[in-house]
C-alpha atoms as a PDB file:
ATOM      1  CA  UNK A   1       0.000   0.000   0.000  1.00  0.00           C
ATOM      2  CA  UNK A   2       0.970   3.615  -0.537  1.00  0.00           C
ATOM      3  CA  UNK A   3      -0.358   6.473   1.542  1.00  0.00           C
ATOM      4  CA  UNK A   4      -1.119  10.117   0.871  1.00  0.00           C
ATOM      5  CA  UNK A   5      -1.215  11.984   4.179  1.00  0.00           C
ATOM      6  CA  UNK A   6      -1.765  15.405   5.698  1.00  0.00           C
ATOM      7  CA  UNK A   7      -0.013  16.555   8.857  1.00  0.00           C
ATOM      8  CA  UNK A   8      -0.807  19.570  10.995  1.00  0.00           C
ATOM      9  CA  UNK A   9       1.552  21.352  13.388  1.00  0.00           C
ATOM     10  CA  UNK A  10       0.797  23.300  16.543  1.00  0.00           C
ATOM     11  CA  UNK A  11       0.490  26.545  14.547  1.00  0.00           C
ATOM     12  CA  UNK A  12      -2.180  25.047  12.265  1.00  0.00           C
ATOM     13  CA  UNK A  13       0.123  24.676   9.243  1.00  0.00           C
ATOM     14  CA  UNK A  14      -0.437  21.684   6.973  1.00  0.00           C
ATOM     15  CA  UNK A  15       2.098  19.424   5.281  1.00  0.00           C
ATOM     16  CA  UNK A  16       1.022  16.991   2.544  1.00  0.00           C
ATOM     17  CA  UNK A  17       3.084  14.004   1.464  1.00  0.00           C
ATOM     18  CA  UNK A  18       3.027  10.379   0.387  1.00  0.00           C
ATOM     19  CA  UNK A  19       4.850   7.263   1.549  1.00  0.00           C
ATOM     20  CA  UNK A  20       4.781   3.497   1.565  1.00  0.00           C
ATOM     21  CA  UNK A  21       5.262   3.272   5.348  1.00  0.00           C
ATOM     22  CA  UNK A  22       3.049   5.838   7.065  1.00  0.00           C
ATOM     23  CA  UNK A  23       4.115   5.112  10.658  1.00  0.00           C
ATOM     24  CA  UNK A  24       7.830   5.252   9.864  1.00  0.00           C
ATOM     25  CA  UNK A  25       7.438   8.464   7.842  1.00  0.00           C
ATOM     26  CA  UNK A  26       5.433  10.122  10.618  1.00  0.00           C
ATOM     27  CA  UNK A  27       8.192   9.340  13.145  1.00  0.00           C
ATOM     28  CA  UNK A  28      10.789  10.859  10.782  1.00  0.00           C
ATOM     29  CA  UNK A  29       8.770  14.079  10.520  1.00  0.00           C
ATOM     30  CA  UNK A  30       8.607  14.447  14.306  1.00  0.00           C
ATOM     31  CA  UNK A  31      12.296  13.616  14.785  1.00  0.00           C
ATOM     32  CA  UNK A  32      13.261  16.477  12.464  1.00  0.00           C
ATOM     33  CA  UNK A  33      14.590  14.189   9.733  1.00  0.00           C
ATOM     34  CA  UNK A  34      12.676  16.081   7.044  1.00  0.00           C
ATOM     35  CA  UNK A  35      13.894  19.583   6.191  1.00  0.00           C
ATOM     36  CA  UNK A  36      10.379  20.820   5.339  1.00  0.00           C
ATOM     37  CA  UNK A  37       8.871  19.824   8.678  1.00  0.00           C
ATOM     38  CA  UNK A  38      11.831  20.285  11.029  1.00  0.00           C
ATOM     39  CA  UNK A  39      11.270  22.244  14.202  1.00  0.00           C
ATOM     40  CA  UNK A  40       7.601  21.444  14.731  1.00  0.00           C
ATOM     41  CA  UNK A  41       5.525  18.774  16.414  1.00  0.00           C
ATOM     42  CA  UNK A  42       3.182  17.206  13.852  1.00  0.00           C
ATOM     43  CA  UNK A  43       0.069  15.087  14.035  1.00  0.00           C
ATOM     44  CA  UNK A  44      -1.520  13.134  11.220  1.00  0.00           C
ATOM     45  CA  UNK A  45      -5.007  14.512  10.602  1.00  0.00           C
ATOM     46  CA  UNK A  46      -5.841  12.715   7.339  1.00  0.00           C
ATOM     47  CA  UNK A  47      -4.604   9.907   5.127  1.00  0.00           C
ATOM     48  CA  UNK A  48      -5.727   7.824   2.184  1.00  0.00           C
ATOM     49  CA  UNK A  49      -4.473   4.353   1.306  1.00  0.00           C
ATOM     50  CA  UNK A  50      -3.795   3.591  -2.368  1.00  0.00           C
ATOM     51  CA  UNK A  51      -2.889   0.335  -4.081  1.00  0.00           C
ATOM     52  CA  UNK A  52      -0.540   2.031  -6.525  1.00  0.00           C
ATOM     53  CA  UNK A  53       2.292   4.518  -5.942  1.00  0.00           C
ATOM     54  CA  UNK A  54       1.213   6.726  -8.836  1.00  0.00           C
ATOM     55  CA  UNK A  55      -2.300   7.014  -7.378  1.00  0.00           C
ATOM     56  CA  UNK A  56      -0.846   8.179  -4.047  1.00  0.00           C
ATOM     57  CA  UNK A  57       1.402  10.707  -5.823  1.00  0.00           C
ATOM     58  CA  UNK A  58      -1.546  11.967  -7.867  1.00  0.00           C
ATOM     59  CA  UNK A  59      -3.649  12.468  -4.722  1.00  0.00           C
ATOM     60  CA  UNK A  60      -0.754  14.277  -3.020  1.00  0.00           C
ATOM     61  CA  UNK A  61      -0.407  16.639  -5.988  1.00  0.00           C
ATOM     62  CA  UNK A  62      -4.178  17.234  -6.003  1.00  0.00           C
ATOM     63  CA  UNK A  63      -4.303  18.141  -2.294  1.00  0.00           C
ATOM     64  CA  UNK A  64      -1.545  20.698  -2.884  1.00  0.00           C
ATOM     65  CA  UNK A  65      -3.738  22.575  -5.383  1.00  0.00           C
ATOM     66  CA  UNK A  66      -6.292  25.227  -4.440  1.00  0.00           C
ATOM     67  CA  UNK A  67      -9.193  22.894  -5.283  1.00  0.00           C
ATOM     68  CA  UNK A  68      -7.571  20.077  -3.326  1.00  0.00           C
ATOM     69  CA  UNK A  69      -7.027  22.225  -0.234  1.00  0.00           C
ATOM     70  CA  UNK A  70     -10.654  23.344  -0.472  1.00  0.00           C
ATOM     71  CA  UNK A  71     -11.836  19.714  -0.746  1.00  0.00           C
ATOM     72  CA  UNK A  72      -9.692  18.728   2.234  1.00  0.00           C
ATOM     73  CA  UNK A  73     -11.078  21.558   4.352  1.00  0.00           C
ATOM     74  CA  UNK A  74     -14.613  20.500   3.385  1.00  0.00           C
ATOM     75  CA  UNK A  75     -13.864  16.883   4.304  1.00  0.00           C
ATOM     76  CA  UNK A  76     -12.333  17.937   7.644  1.00  0.00           C
ATOM     77  CA  UNK A  77     -14.902  20.648   8.343  1.00  0.00           C
ATOM     78  CA  UNK A  78     -15.970  19.373  11.778  1.00  0.00           C
ATOM     79  CA  UNK A  79     -12.364  18.756  12.929  1.00  0.00           C
ATOM     80  CA  UNK A  80     -11.190  22.177  11.761  1.00  0.00           C
ATOM     81  CA  UNK A  81     -14.159  23.905  13.401  1.00  0.00           C
ATOM     82  CA  UNK A  82     -13.632  22.131  16.745  1.00  0.00           C
ATOM     83  CA  UNK A  83      -9.909  22.979  16.949  1.00  0.00           C
ATOM     84  CA  UNK A  84     -10.482  26.731  16.520  1.00  0.00           C
ATOM     85  CA  UNK A  85      -9.978  28.697  19.674  1.00  0.00           C
ATOM     86  CA  UNK A  86     -12.783  31.103  20.559  1.00  0.00           C
ATOM     87  CA  UNK A  87     -11.907  34.740  20.025  1.00  0.00           C
ATOM     88  CA  UNK A  88     -11.920  36.895  23.133  1.00  0.00           C
ATOM     89  CA  UNK A  89     -13.282  40.402  22.886  1.00  0.00           C
END
């Protein structure tokens, strides 16, 4: 299996990637072994399993587009709403 995944850090930034070993890749992100994600604590908020590597790559590329980000936010609407902190006035 190949996985397309989305991580979120404590600041609310997203990182999208793909891998064949999701658990191992996630550990590498949090150990700072990836230049793009170094310096932050990440959690996996979404993933899709694909039978083919090219399908996983295609999904990763899609979720990096404007339409893909919009689709992801729609899919994670409840999660994203719940994690928002209430504004104080």
